[in-house]
PDB file of N, CA and C in Angstrom:
ATOM      1  N   PHE A   1      15.359  -0.745  11.139  1.00  0.00           N
ATOM      2  CA  PHE A   1      15.510  -2.190  11.171  1.00  0.00           C
ATOM      3  C   PHE A   1      14.154  -2.830  11.246  1.00  0.00           C
ATOM      4  N   PRO A   2      13.920  -3.934  10.539  1.00  0.00           N
ATOM      5  CA  PRO A   2      12.598  -4.576  10.453  1.00  0.00           C
ATOM      6  C   PRO A   2      12.138  -5.005  11.884  1.00  0.00           C
ATOM      7  N   TRP A   3      13.030  -5.525  12.723  1.00  0.00           N
ATOM      8  CA  TRP A   3      12.585  -5.946  14.026  1.00  0.00           C
ATOM      9  C   TRP A   3      12.079  -4.817  14.919  1.00  0.00           C
ATOM     10  N   ARG A   4      12.662  -3.632  14.733  1.00  0.00           N
ATOM     11  CA  ARG A   4      12.240  -2.464  15.477  1.00  0.00           C
ATOM     12  C   ARG A   4      10.837  -2.014  14.964  1.00  0.00           C
ATOM     13  N   GLN A   5      10.676  -1.992  13.671  1.00  0.00           N
ATOM     14  CA  GLN A   5       9.337  -1.658  13.084  1.00  0.00           C
ATOM     15  C   GLN A   5       8.275  -2.622  13.573  1.00  0.00           C
ATOM     16  N   ARG A   6       8.627  -3.917  13.608  1.00  0.00           N
ATOM     17  CA  ARG A   6       7.647  -4.906  14.035  1.00  0.00           C
ATOM     18  C   ARG A   6       7.267  -4.663  15.517  1.00  0.00           C
ATOM     19  N   ARG A   7       8.304  -4.376  16.323  1.00  0.00           N
ATOM     20  CA  ARG A   7       8.025  -4.133  17.723  1.00  0.00           C
ATOM     21  C   ARG A   7       7.137  -2.896  17.933  1.00  0.00           C
ATOM     22  N   GLU A   8       7.419  -1.831  17.208  1.00  0.00           N
ATOM     23  CA  GLU A   8       6.631  -0.636  17.241  1.00  0.00           C
ATOM     24  C   GLU A   8       5.225  -0.883  16.803  1.00  0.00           C
ATOM     25  N   ALA A   9       5.048  -1.634  15.702  1.00  0.00           N
ATOM     26  CA  ALA A   9       3.683  -1.908  15.186  1.00  0.00           C
ATOM     27  C   ALA A   9       2.905  -2.772  16.242  1.00  0.00           C
ATOM     28  N   LEU A  10       3.572  -3.696  16.870  1.00  0.00           N
ATOM     29  CA  LEU A  10       2.887  -4.524  17.845  1.00  0.00           C
ATOM     30  C   LEU A  10       2.504  -3.749  19.067  1.00  0.00           C
ATOM     31  N   ALA A  11       3.342  -2.771  19.457  1.00  0.00           N
ATOM     32  CA  ALA A  11       3.015  -1.948  20.603  1.00  0.00           C
ATOM     33  C   ALA A  11       1.844  -1.038  20.290  1.00  0.00           C
ATOM     34  N   LYS A  12       1.752  -0.480  19.075  1.00  0.00           N
ATOM     35  CA  LYS A  12       0.599   0.318  18.672  1.00  0.00           C
ATOM     36  C   LYS A  12      -0.654  -0.506  18.631  1.00  0.00           C
ATOM     37  N   MET A  13      -0.523  -1.738  18.150  1.00  0.00           N
ATOM     38  CA  MET A  13      -1.680  -2.579  18.084  1.00  0.00           C
ATOM     39  C   MET A  13      -2.227  -2.877  19.523  1.00  0.00           C
ATOM     40  N   LYS A  14      -1.260  -3.143  20.415  1.00  0.00           N
ATOM     41  CA  LYS A  14      -1.632  -3.446  21.785  1.00  0.00           C
ATOM     42  C   LYS A  14      -2.317  -2.248  22.478  1.00  0.00           C
ATOM     43  N   ALA A  15      -1.759  -1.060  22.194  1.00  0.00           N
ATOM     44  CA  ALA A  15      -2.364   0.136  22.742  1.00  0.00           C
ATOM     45  C   ALA A  15      -3.785   0.372  22.285  1.00  0.00           C
ATOM     46  N   LEU A  16      -4.043  -0.052  21.011  1.00  0.00           N
ATOM     47  CA  LEU A  16      -5.368   0.093  20.427  1.00  0.00           C
ATOM     48  C   LEU A  16      -6.361  -1.050  20.798  1.00  0.00           C
ATOM     49  N   GLY A  17      -5.776  -2.072  21.506  1.00  0.00           N
ATOM     50  CA  GLY A  17      -6.551  -3.202  21.883  1.00  0.00           C
ATOM     51  C   GLY A  17      -6.777  -4.221  20.753  1.00  0.00           C
ATOM     52  N   VAL A  18      -5.887  -4.159  19.768  1.00  0.00           N
ATOM     53  CA  VAL A  18      -5.994  -5.006  18.600  1.00  0.00           C
ATOM     54  C   VAL A  18      -5.214  -6.267  18.879  1.00  0.00           C
ATOM     55  N   THR A  19      -5.890  -7.428  18.927  1.00  0.00           N
ATOM     56  CA  THR A  19      -5.237  -8.662  19.293  1.00  0.00           C
ATOM     57  C   THR A  19      -5.392  -9.746  18.286  1.00  0.00           C
ATOM     58  N   SER A  20      -6.143  -9.536  17.185  1.00  0.00           N
ATOM     59  CA  SER A  20      -6.349 -10.614  16.226  1.00  0.00           C
ATOM     60  C   SER A  20      -6.273 -10.056  14.792  1.00  0.00           C
ATOM     61  N   GLU A  21      -6.007 -11.007  13.863  1.00  0.00           N
ATOM     62  CA  GLU A  21      -6.002 -10.673  12.461  1.00  0.00           C
ATOM     63  C   GLU A  21      -7.356 -10.093  12.021  1.00  0.00           C
ATOM     64  N   GLU A  22      -8.417 -10.675  12.495  1.00  0.00           N
ATOM     65  CA  GLU A  22      -9.792 -10.269  12.219  1.00  0.00           C
ATOM     66  C   GLU A  22      -9.971  -8.748  12.593  1.00  0.00           C
ATOM     67  N   GLN A  23      -9.431  -8.346  13.708  1.00  0.00           N
ATOM     68  CA  GLN A  23      -9.530  -6.926  14.099  1.00  0.00           C
ATOM     69  C   GLN A  23      -8.755  -6.012  13.165  1.00  0.00           C
ATOM     70  N   VAL A  24      -7.614  -6.479  12.744  1.00  0.00           N
ATOM     71  CA  VAL A  24      -6.794  -5.748  11.788  1.00  0.00           C
ATOM     72  C   VAL A  24      -7.552  -5.578  10.488  1.00  0.00           C
ATOM     73  N   THR A  25      -8.154  -6.704   9.999  1.00  0.00           N
ATOM     74  CA  THR A  25      -8.945  -6.622   8.752  1.00  0.00           C
ATOM     75  C   THR A  25     -10.117  -5.692   8.905  1.00  0.00           C
ATOM     76  N   GLU A  26     -10.774  -5.677  10.011  1.00  0.00           N
ATOM     77  CA  GLU A  26     -11.922  -4.757  10.244  1.00  0.00           C
ATOM     78  C   GLU A  26     -11.455  -3.282  10.265  1.00  0.00           C
ATOM     79  N   LEU A  27     -10.315  -3.027  10.909  1.00  0.00           N
ATOM     80  CA  LEU A  27      -9.761  -1.659  10.871  1.00  0.00           C
ATOM     81  C   LEU A  27      -9.464  -1.190   9.442  1.00  0.00           C
ATOM     82  N   LEU A  28      -8.901  -2.162   8.656  1.00  0.00           N
ATOM     83  CA  LEU A  28      -8.534  -1.882   7.282  1.00  0.00           C
ATOM     84  C   LEU A  28      -9.815  -1.614   6.478  1.00  0.00           C
ATOM     85  N   HIS A  29     -10.848  -2.417   6.646  1.00  0.00           N
ATOM     86  CA  HIS A  29     -12.134  -2.160   5.969  1.00  0.00           C
ATOM     87  C   HIS A  29     -12.616  -0.729   6.320  1.00  0.00           C
ATOM     88  N   ARG A  30     -12.566  -0.373   7.560  1.00  0.00           N
ATOM     89  CA  ARG A  30     -13.035   0.947   7.965  1.00  0.00           C
ATOM     90  C   ARG A  30     -12.192   2.057   7.325  1.00  0.00           C
ATOM     91  N   ALA A  31     -10.880   1.860   7.261  1.00  0.00           N
ATOM     92  CA  ALA A  31      -9.985   2.878   6.679  1.00  0.00           C
ATOM     93  C   ALA A  31     -10.306   3.029   5.135  1.00  0.00           C
ATOM     94  N   TYR A  32     -10.369   1.891   4.455  1.00  0.00           N
ATOM     95  CA  TYR A  32     -10.643   1.880   3.033  1.00  0.00           C
ATOM     96  C   TYR A  32     -11.998   2.506   2.743  1.00  0.00           C
ATOM     97  N   LYS A  33     -13.053   2.192   3.536  1.00  0.00           N
ATOM     98  CA  LYS A  33     -14.359   2.704   3.374  1.00  0.00           C
ATOM     99  C   LYS A  33     -14.345   4.231   3.521  1.00  0.00           C
ATOM    100  N   SER A  34     -13.579   4.761   4.504  1.00  0.00           N
ATOM    101  CA  SER A  34     -13.509   6.189   4.776  1.00  0.00           C
ATOM    102  C   SER A  34     -12.758   6.894   3.575  1.00  0.00           C
ATOM    103  N   LEU A  35     -11.706   6.246   3.139  1.00  0.00           N
ATOM    104  CA  LEU A  35     -10.980   6.820   1.986  1.00  0.00           C
ATOM    105  C   LEU A  35     -11.813   6.890   0.757  1.00  0.00           C
ATOM    106  N   GLU A  36     -12.574   5.834   0.527  1.00  0.00           N
ATOM    107  CA  GLU A  36     -13.431   5.758  -0.669  1.00  0.00           C
ATOM    108  C   GLU A  36     -14.553   6.829  -0.601  1.00  0.00           C
ATOM    109  N   ARG A  37     -15.121   6.985   0.584  1.00  0.00           N
ATOM    110  CA  ARG A  37     -16.232   7.946   0.822  1.00  0.00           C
ATOM    111  C   ARG A  37     -15.579   9.359   0.578  1.00  0.00           C
ATOM    112  N   LYS A  38     -14.480   9.643   1.057  1.00  0.00           N
ATOM    113  CA  LYS A  38     -13.833  10.979   0.964  1.00  0.00           C
ATOM    114  C   LYS A  38     -13.467  11.207  -0.463  1.00  0.00           C
ATOM    115  N   LEU A  39     -13.065  10.187  -1.168  1.00  0.00           N
ATOM    116  CA  LEU A  39     -12.588  10.347  -2.606  1.00  0.00           C
ATOM    117  C   LEU A  39     -13.779  10.657  -3.489  1.00  0.00           C
ATOM    118  N   ARG A  40     -14.905   9.959  -3.344  1.00  0.00           N
ATOM    119  CA  ARG A  40     -16.154  10.159  -4.144  1.00  0.00           C
ATOM    120  C   ARG A  40     -15.864  10.336  -5.630  1.00  0.00           C
ATOM    121  N   HIS A  41     -15.192   9.381  -6.181  1.00  0.00           N
ATOM    122  CA  HIS A  41     -14.909   9.350  -7.662  1.00  0.00           C
ATOM    123  C   HIS A  41     -14.159  10.534  -8.188  1.00  0.00           C
ATOM    124  N   LYS A  42     -13.481  11.251  -7.307  1.00  0.00           N
ATOM    125  CA  LYS A  42     -12.594  12.324  -7.793  1.00  0.00           C
ATOM    126  C   LYS A  42     -11.238  11.808  -8.084  1.00  0.00           C
ATOM    127  N   LYS A  43     -10.444  12.544  -8.839  1.00  0.00           N
ATOM    128  CA  LYS A  43      -9.053  12.110  -9.180  1.00  0.00           C
ATOM    129  C   LYS A  43      -8.179  12.320  -7.933  1.00  0.00           C
ATOM    130  N   TYR A  44      -8.442  13.378  -7.161  1.00  0.00           N
ATOM    131  CA  TYR A  44      -7.622  13.597  -5.933  1.00  0.00           C
ATOM    132  C   TYR A  44      -8.640  13.893  -4.788  1.00  0.00           C
ATOM    133  N   PHE A  45      -8.179  13.733  -3.552  1.00  0.00           N
ATOM    134  CA  PHE A  45      -9.118  13.944  -2.431  1.00  0.00           C
ATOM    135  C   PHE A  45      -9.587  15.365  -2.312  1.00  0.00           C
ATOM    136  N   PHE A  46      -8.808  16.385  -2.644  1.00  0.00           N
ATOM    137  CA  PHE A  46      -9.188  17.734  -2.591  1.00  0.00           C
ATOM    138  C   PHE A  46      -9.174  18.412  -3.906  1.00  0.00           C
ATOM    139  N   GLY A  47      -9.307  17.650  -4.958  1.00  0.00           N
ATOM    140  CA  GLY A  47      -9.359  18.236  -6.337  1.00  0.00           C
ATOM    141  C   GLY A  47      -8.003  18.493  -6.974  1.00  0.00           C
ATOM    142  N   ARG A  48      -6.949  18.461  -6.205  1.00  0.00           N
ATOM    143  CA  ARG A  48      -5.617  18.663  -6.675  1.00  0.00           C
ATOM    144  C   ARG A  48      -4.659  17.807  -5.854  1.00  0.00           C
ATOM    145  N   PRO A  49      -3.452  17.471  -6.255  1.00  0.00           N
ATOM    146  CA  PRO A  49      -2.598  16.612  -5.472  1.00  0.00           C
ATOM    147  C   PRO A  49      -2.220  17.259  -4.106  1.00  0.00           C
ATOM    148  N   THR A  50      -2.360  16.515  -3.076  1.00  0.00           N
ATOM    149  CA  THR A  50      -1.930  17.044  -1.709  1.00  0.00           C
ATOM    150  C   THR A  50      -1.158  15.975  -1.044  1.00  0.00           C
ATOM    151  N   THR A  51      -0.730  16.224   0.183  1.00  0.00           N
ATOM    152  CA  THR A  51       0.004  15.327   0.960  1.00  0.00           C
ATOM    153  C   THR A  51      -0.816  14.052   1.258  1.00  0.00           C
ATOM    154  N   LEU A  52      -2.174  14.300   1.460  1.00  0.00           N
ATOM    155  CA  LEU A  52      -3.009  13.163   1.734  1.00  0.00           C
ATOM    156  C   LEU A  52      -2.965  12.192   0.539  1.00  0.00           C
ATOM    157  N   ASP A  53      -2.977  12.719  -0.715  1.00  0.00           N
ATOM    158  CA  ASP A  53      -2.935  11.862  -1.896  1.00  0.00           C
ATOM    159  C   ASP A  53      -1.594  11.076  -1.906  1.00  0.00           C
ATOM    160  N   ALA A  54      -0.503  11.754  -1.607  1.00  0.00           N
ATOM    161  CA  ALA A  54       0.804  11.034  -1.541  1.00  0.00           C
ATOM    162  C   ALA A  54       0.828   9.946  -0.537  1.00  0.00           C
ATOM    163  N   VAL A  55       0.316  10.168   0.656  1.00  0.00           N
ATOM    164  CA  VAL A  55       0.303   9.179   1.679  1.00  0.00           C
ATOM    165  C   VAL A  55      -0.609   8.018   1.312  1.00  0.00           C
ATOM    166  N   ALA A  56      -1.827   8.329   0.935  1.00  0.00           N
ATOM    167  CA  ALA A  56      -2.832   7.351   0.514  1.00  0.00           C
ATOM    168  C   ALA A  56      -2.361   6.501  -0.620  1.00  0.00           C
ATOM    169  N   TYR A  57      -1.776   7.172  -1.627  1.00  0.00           N
ATOM    170  CA  TYR A  57      -1.234   6.410  -2.829  1.00  0.00           C
ATOM    171  C   TYR A  57      -0.175   5.522  -2.353  1.00  0.00           C
ATOM    172  N   ALA A  58       0.722   5.894  -1.540  1.00  0.00           N
ATOM    173  CA  ALA A  58       1.871   5.049  -1.151  1.00  0.00           C
ATOM    174  C   ALA A  58       1.365   3.856  -0.409  1.00  0.00           C
ATOM    175  N   HIS A  59       0.424   4.050   0.560  1.00  0.00           N
ATOM    176  CA  HIS A  59      -0.065   2.905   1.332  1.00  0.00           C
ATOM    177  C   HIS A  59      -0.891   1.942   0.425  1.00  0.00           C
ATOM    178  N   LEU A  60      -1.753   2.470  -0.364  1.00  0.00           N
ATOM    179  CA  LEU A  60      -2.582   1.667  -1.231  1.00  0.00           C
ATOM    180  C   LEU A  60      -1.784   0.884  -2.263  1.00  0.00           C
ATOM    181  N   LEU A  61      -0.744   1.508  -2.776  1.00  0.00           N
ATOM    182  CA  LEU A  61       0.107   0.863  -3.752  1.00  0.00           C
ATOM    183  C   LEU A  61       0.930  -0.266  -3.052  1.00  0.00           C
ATOM    184  N   LEU A  62       1.381  -0.028  -1.882  1.00  0.00           N
ATOM    185  CA  LEU A  62       2.081  -0.996  -1.048  1.00  0.00           C
ATOM    186  C   LEU A  62       1.135  -2.173  -0.778  1.00  0.00           C
ATOM    187  N   HIS A  63      -0.046  -1.891  -0.330  1.00  0.00           N
ATOM    188  CA  HIS A  63      -1.007  -2.954  -0.016  1.00  0.00           C
ATOM    189  C   HIS A  63      -1.384  -3.755  -1.247  1.00  0.00           C
ATOM    190  N   ARG A  64      -1.437  -3.144  -2.427  1.00  0.00           N
ATOM    191  CA  ARG A  64      -1.851  -3.834  -3.604  1.00  0.00           C
ATOM    192  C   ARG A  64      -0.699  -4.538  -4.369  1.00  0.00           C
ATOM    193  N   SER A  65       0.461  -3.951  -4.321  1.00  0.00           N
ATOM    194  CA  SER A  65       1.531  -4.374  -5.214  1.00  0.00           C
ATOM    195  C   SER A  65       2.680  -5.097  -4.576  1.00  0.00           C
ATOM    196  N   SER A  66       3.063  -4.819  -3.347  1.00  0.00           N
ATOM    197  CA  SER A  66       4.215  -5.429  -2.790  1.00  0.00           C
ATOM    198  C   SER A  66       3.845  -6.889  -2.397  1.00  0.00           C
ATOM    199  N   PRO A  67       4.862  -7.796  -2.455  1.00  0.00           N
ATOM    200  CA  PRO A  67       4.576  -9.216  -2.109  1.00  0.00           C
ATOM    201  C   PRO A  67       3.854  -9.383  -0.820  1.00  0.00           C
ATOM    202  N   VAL A  68       4.303  -8.711   0.260  1.00  0.00           N
ATOM    203  CA  VAL A  68       3.647  -8.934   1.563  1.00  0.00           C
ATOM    204  C   VAL A  68       2.276  -8.241   1.595  1.00  0.00           C
ATOM    205  N   GLY A  69       2.217  -6.999   1.008  1.00  0.00           N
ATOM    206  CA  GLY A  69       0.960  -6.316   0.990  1.00  0.00           C
ATOM    207  C   GLY A  69      -0.066  -7.027   0.221  1.00  0.00           C
ATOM    208  N   ALA A  70       0.278  -7.552  -0.968  1.00  0.00           N
ATOM    209  CA  ALA A  70      -0.688  -8.281  -1.800  1.00  0.00           C
ATOM    210  C   ALA A  70      -1.209  -9.577  -1.006  1.00  0.00           C
ATOM    211  N   LEU A  71      -0.266 -10.236  -0.365  1.00  0.00           N
ATOM    212  CA  LEU A  71      -0.640 -11.423   0.403  1.00  0.00           C
ATOM    213  C   LEU A  71      -1.617 -11.093   1.518  1.00  0.00           C
ATOM    214  N   LEU A  72      -1.351 -10.015   2.234  1.00  0.00           N
ATOM    215  CA  LEU A  72      -2.203  -9.657   3.420  1.00  0.00           C
ATOM    216  C   LEU A  72      -3.414  -8.860   3.122  1.00  0.00           C
ATOM    217  N   TYR A  73      -3.367  -7.901   2.162  1.00  0.00           N
ATOM    218  CA  TYR A  73      -4.392  -6.936   2.031  1.00  0.00           C
ATOM    219  C   TYR A  73      -5.108  -6.908   0.691  1.00  0.00           C
ATOM    220  N   LYS A  74      -4.613  -7.575  -0.322  1.00  0.00           N
ATOM    221  CA  LYS A  74      -5.180  -7.514  -1.679  1.00  0.00           C
ATOM    222  C   LYS A  74      -6.646  -7.905  -1.703  1.00  0.00           C
ATOM    223  N   ASP A  75      -7.061  -8.945  -0.977  1.00  0.00           N
ATOM    224  CA  ASP A  75      -8.478  -9.347  -0.983  1.00  0.00           C
ATOM    225  C   ASP A  75      -9.362  -8.241  -0.404  1.00  0.00           C
ATOM    226  N   VAL A  76      -8.881  -7.605   0.623  1.00  0.00           N
ATOM    227  CA  VAL A  76      -9.673  -6.460   1.262  1.00  0.00           C
ATOM    228  C   VAL A  76      -9.788  -5.331   0.284  1.00  0.00           C
ATOM    229  N   LEU A  77      -8.625  -4.986  -0.223  1.00  0.00           N
ATOM    230  CA  LEU A  77      -8.601  -3.796  -1.166  1.00  0.00           C
ATOM    231  C   LEU A  77      -9.491  -4.038  -2.409  1.00  0.00           C
ATOM    232  N   GLY A  78      -9.542  -5.335  -2.824  1.00  0.00           N
ATOM    233  CA  GLY A  78     -10.377  -5.680  -4.003  1.00  0.00           C
ATOM    234  C   GLY A  78     -11.834  -5.293  -3.808  1.00  0.00           C
ATOM    235  N   LYS A  79     -12.289  -5.150  -2.601  1.00  0.00           N
ATOM    236  CA  LYS A  79     -13.693  -4.803  -2.298  1.00  0.00           C
ATOM    237  C   LYS A  79     -13.952  -3.321  -2.438  1.00  0.00           C
ATOM    238  N   TYR A  80     -12.906  -2.535  -2.816  1.00  0.00           N
ATOM    239  CA  TYR A  80     -12.941  -1.076  -2.911  1.00  0.00           C
ATOM    240  C   TYR A  80     -12.412  -0.684  -4.252  1.00  0.00           C
ATOM    241  N   PRO A  81     -13.071  -0.984  -5.388  1.00  0.00           N
ATOM    242  CA  PRO A  81     -12.539  -0.752  -6.706  1.00  0.00           C
ATOM    243  C   PRO A  81     -12.194   0.723  -6.984  1.00  0.00           C
ATOM    244  N   ALA A  82     -12.933   1.614  -6.324  1.00  0.00           N
ATOM    245  CA  ALA A  82     -12.606   3.045  -6.535  1.00  0.00           C
ATOM    246  C   ALA A  82     -11.178   3.354  -6.057  1.00  0.00           C
ATOM    247  N   LEU A  83     -10.674   2.661  -5.095  1.00  0.00           N
ATOM    248  CA  LEU A  83      -9.343   2.952  -4.520  1.00  0.00           C
ATOM    249  C   LEU A  83      -8.288   2.382  -5.502  1.00  0.00           C
ATOM    250  N   SER A  84      -8.614   1.180  -6.101  1.00  0.00           N
ATOM    251  CA  SER A  84      -7.695   0.642  -7.117  1.00  0.00           C
ATOM    252  C   SER A  84      -7.579   1.582  -8.308  1.00  0.00           C
ATOM    253  N   LYS A  85      -8.824   2.101  -8.716  1.00  0.00           N
ATOM    254  CA  LYS A  85      -8.897   2.999  -9.854  1.00  0.00           C
ATOM    255  C   LYS A  85      -8.058   4.308  -9.509  1.00  0.00           C
ATOM    256  N   TYR A  86      -8.119   4.762  -8.319  1.00  0.00           N
ATOM    257  CA  TYR A  86      -7.389   5.912  -7.798  1.00  0.00           C
ATOM    258  C   TYR A  86      -5.915   5.698  -7.942  1.00  0.00           C
ATOM    259  N   VAL A  87      -5.479   4.544  -7.471  1.00  0.00           N
ATOM    260  CA  VAL A  87      -4.001   4.200  -7.556  1.00  0.00           C
ATOM    261  C   VAL A  87      -3.583   4.159  -9.079  1.00  0.00           C
ATOM    262  N   ASP A  88      -4.347   3.478  -9.861  1.00  0.00           N
ATOM    263  CA  ASP A  88      -4.031   3.429 -11.281  1.00  0.00           C
ATOM    264  C   ASP A  88      -3.956   4.826 -11.916  1.00  0.00           C
ATOM    265  N   GLY A  89      -4.892   5.666 -11.588  1.00  0.00           N
ATOM    266  CA  GLY A  89      -4.983   7.010 -12.135  1.00  0.00           C
ATOM    267  C   GLY A  89      -3.703   7.825 -11.718  1.00  0.00           C
ATOM    268  N   ILE A  90      -3.331   7.797 -10.485  1.00  0.00           N
ATOM    269  CA  ILE A  90      -2.161   8.516 -10.029  1.00  0.00           C
ATOM    270  C   ILE A  90      -0.917   7.915 -10.605  1.00  0.00           C
ATOM    271  N   SER A  91      -0.822   6.631 -10.712  1.00  0.00           N
ATOM    272  CA  SER A  91       0.384   5.958 -11.326  1.00  0.00           C
ATOM    273  C   SER A  91       0.596   6.451 -12.723  1.00  0.00           C
ATOM    274  N   GLU A  92      -0.528   6.375 -13.481  1.00  0.00           N
ATOM    275  CA  GLU A  92      -0.430   6.775 -14.906  1.00  0.00           C
ATOM    276  C   GLU A  92      -0.108   8.293 -15.032  1.00  0.00           C
ATOM    277  N   ALA A  93      -0.866   9.116 -14.300  1.00  0.00           N
ATOM    278  CA  ALA A  93      -0.675  10.609 -14.445  1.00  0.00           C
ATOM    279  C   ALA A  93       0.703  11.051 -14.019  1.00  0.00           C
ATOM    280  N   HIS A  94       1.271  10.438 -13.041  1.00  0.00           N
ATOM    281  CA  HIS A  94       2.495  10.964 -12.489  1.00  0.00           C
ATOM    282  C   HIS A  94       3.753  10.128 -12.814  1.00  0.00           C
ATOM    283  N   PHE A  95       3.556   8.845 -13.177  1.00  0.00           N
ATOM    284  CA  PHE A  95       4.690   8.009 -13.363  1.00  0.00           C
ATOM    285  C   PHE A  95       4.646   7.306 -14.747  1.00  0.00           C
ATOM    286  N   GLY A  96       3.647   7.517 -15.551  1.00  0.00           N
ATOM    287  CA  GLY A  96       3.557   6.966 -16.882  1.00  0.00           C
ATOM    288  C   GLY A  96       2.805   5.653 -16.901  1.00  0.00           C
ATOM    289  N   PRO A  97       2.476   5.205 -18.113  1.00  0.00           N
ATOM    290  CA  PRO A  97       1.746   3.930 -18.265  1.00  0.00           C
ATOM    291  C   PRO A  97       2.577   2.741 -17.734  1.00  0.00           C
ATOM    292  N   GLY A  98       1.826   1.837 -17.073  1.00  0.00           N
ATOM    293  CA  GLY A  98       2.483   0.653 -16.481  1.00  0.00           C
ATOM    294  C   GLY A  98       3.321   0.891 -15.294  1.00  0.00           C
ATOM    295  N   ALA A  99       3.147   2.122 -14.706  1.00  0.00           N
ATOM    296  CA  ALA A  99       3.888   2.337 -13.471  1.00  0.00           C
ATOM    297  C   ALA A  99       3.385   1.554 -12.262  1.00  0.00           C
ATOM    298  N   GLY A 100       4.219   1.378 -11.345  1.00  0.00           N
ATOM    299  CA  GLY A 100       3.833   0.664 -10.139  1.00  0.00           C
ATOM    300  C   GLY A 100       5.109   0.192  -9.461  1.00  0.00           C
ATOM    301  N   LEU A 101       4.974  -0.724  -8.542  1.00  0.00           N
ATOM    302  CA  LEU A 101       6.183  -1.281  -7.874  1.00  0.00           C
ATOM    303  C   LEU A 101       6.798  -2.310  -8.843  1.00  0.00           C
ATOM    304  N   ARG A 102       8.058  -2.161  -8.958  1.00  0.00           N
ATOM    305  CA  ARG A 102       8.794  -3.237  -9.727  1.00  0.00           C
ATOM    306  C   ARG A 102      10.119  -3.430  -9.135  1.00  0.00           C
ATOM    307  N   ASP A 103      10.725  -4.531  -9.531  1.00  0.00           N
ATOM    308  CA  ASP A 103      12.022  -4.904  -9.000  1.00  0.00           C
ATOM    309  C   ASP A 103      13.077  -3.897  -9.473  1.00  0.00           C
ATOM    310  N   PRO A 104      13.787  -3.284  -8.556  1.00  0.00           N
ATOM    311  CA  PRO A 104      14.815  -2.300  -8.943  1.00  0.00           C
ATOM    312  C   PRO A 104      15.807  -2.887  -9.860  1.00  0.00           C
ATOM    313  N   ALA A 105      16.082  -4.149  -9.867  1.00  0.00           N
ATOM    314  CA  ALA A 105      17.079  -4.735 -10.811  1.00  0.00           C
ATOM    315  C   ALA A 105      16.596  -4.696 -12.208  1.00  0.00           C
ATOM    316  N   ASP A 106      15.255  -4.542 -12.413  1.00  0.00           N
ATOM    317  CA  ASP A 106      14.705  -4.404 -13.801  1.00  0.00           C
ATOM    318  C   ASP A 106      14.774  -3.000 -14.329  1.00  0.00           C
ATOM    319  N   VAL A 107      15.170  -2.049 -13.520  1.00  0.00           N
ATOM    320  CA  VAL A 107      15.238  -0.692 -14.035  1.00  0.00           C
ATOM    321  C   VAL A 107      16.585  -0.430 -14.644  1.00  0.00           C
ATOM    322  N   GLU A 108      16.565   0.113 -15.875  1.00  0.00           N
ATOM    323  CA  GLU A 108      17.768   0.354 -16.625  1.00  0.00           C
ATOM    324  C   GLU A 108      18.679   1.287 -15.839  1.00  0.00           C
ATOM    325  N   GLY A 109      19.972   0.924 -15.784  1.00  0.00           N
ATOM    326  CA  GLY A 109      20.891   1.810 -15.096  1.00  0.00           C
ATOM    327  C   GLY A 109      21.101   1.513 -13.577  1.00  0.00           C
ATOM    328  N   VAL A 110      20.227   0.680 -13.092  1.00  0.00           N
ATOM    329  CA  VAL A 110      20.310   0.308 -11.637  1.00  0.00           C
ATOM    330  C   VAL A 110      21.051  -1.018 -11.508  1.00  0.00           C
ATOM    331  N   LYS A 111      22.145  -1.029 -10.772  1.00  0.00           N
ATOM    332  CA  LYS A 111      22.872  -2.237 -10.589  1.00  0.00           C
ATOM    333  C   LYS A 111      22.749  -2.647  -9.066  1.00  0.00           C
ATOM    334  N   ILE A 112      22.308  -3.841  -8.903  1.00  0.00           N
ATOM    335  CA  ILE A 112      22.058  -4.345  -7.573  1.00  0.00           C
ATOM    336  C   ILE A 112      22.878  -5.628  -7.419  1.00  0.00           C
ATOM    337  N   LYS A 113      23.632  -5.592  -6.316  1.00  0.00           N
ATOM    338  CA  LYS A 113      24.423  -6.759  -5.964  1.00  0.00           C
ATOM    339  C   LYS A 113      23.516  -7.711  -5.136  1.00  0.00           C
ATOM    340  N   ARG A 114      23.250  -8.843  -5.635  1.00  0.00           N
ATOM    341  CA  ARG A 114      22.402  -9.804  -4.926  1.00  0.00           C
ATOM    342  C   ARG A 114      23.257 -10.803  -4.244  1.00  0.00           C
ATOM    343  N   ARG A 115      22.776 -11.206  -3.075  1.00  0.00           N
ATOM    344  CA  ARG A 115      23.495 -12.211  -2.328  1.00  0.00           C
ATOM    345  C   ARG A 115      23.144 -13.606  -2.933  1.00  0.00           C
ATOM    346  N   LYS A 116      24.157 -14.424  -2.937  1.00  0.00           N
ATOM    347  CA  LYS A 116      23.891 -15.763  -3.439  1.00  0.00           C
ATOM    348  C   LYS A 116      23.169 -16.526  -2.358  1.00  0.00           C
ATOM    349  N   ARG A 117      22.217 -17.392  -2.804  1.00  0.00           N
ATOM    350  CA  ARG A 117      21.472 -18.182  -1.817  1.00  0.00           C
ATOM    351  C   ARG A 117      22.340 -19.361  -1.404  1.00  0.00           C
ATOM    352  N   LYS A 118      22.177 -19.609  -0.122  1.00  0.00           N
ATOM    353  CA  LYS A 118      22.929 -20.776   0.417  1.00  0.00           C
ATOM    354  C   LYS A 118      22.198 -22.059  -0.047  1.00  0.00           C
ATOM    355  N   SER A 119      22.974 -23.020  -0.505  1.00  0.00           N
ATOM    356  CA  SER A 119      22.336 -24.304  -0.891  1.00  0.00           C
ATOM    357  C   SER A 119      22.178 -25.124   0.321  1.00  0.00           C
ATOM    358  N   LYS A 120      21.128 -25.923   0.312  1.00  0.00           N
ATOM    359  CA  LYS A 120      20.844 -26.815   1.450  1.00  0.00           C
ATOM    360  C   LYS A 120      21.393 -28.166   1.202  1.00  0.00           C
TER     361      LYS A 120
END
């Protein structure tokens, strides 16, 4: 449930002493810088796909492409072009050209029942 995830995230932030958006952004910069340094223009962190690549790819794609991630993290991620190139490379190599997050309703064969919006 989203409320449970929010509560857990806030508890982790409190335990780390993170109390402001600026601190979150600084932690994100440190994480991106570490990932970029470890990657060093390679296609994968250890020369071949590993669990680290799967986890890093998922997080970076979420930060770059999801509506909430793009709103909160895209500007920070934009300062690390090697990470964006990394995401693009994995997307194309493993999921084909133009791969990325997309609306499931746009995928052929997927039927999604959408709730009607309440009119005001």
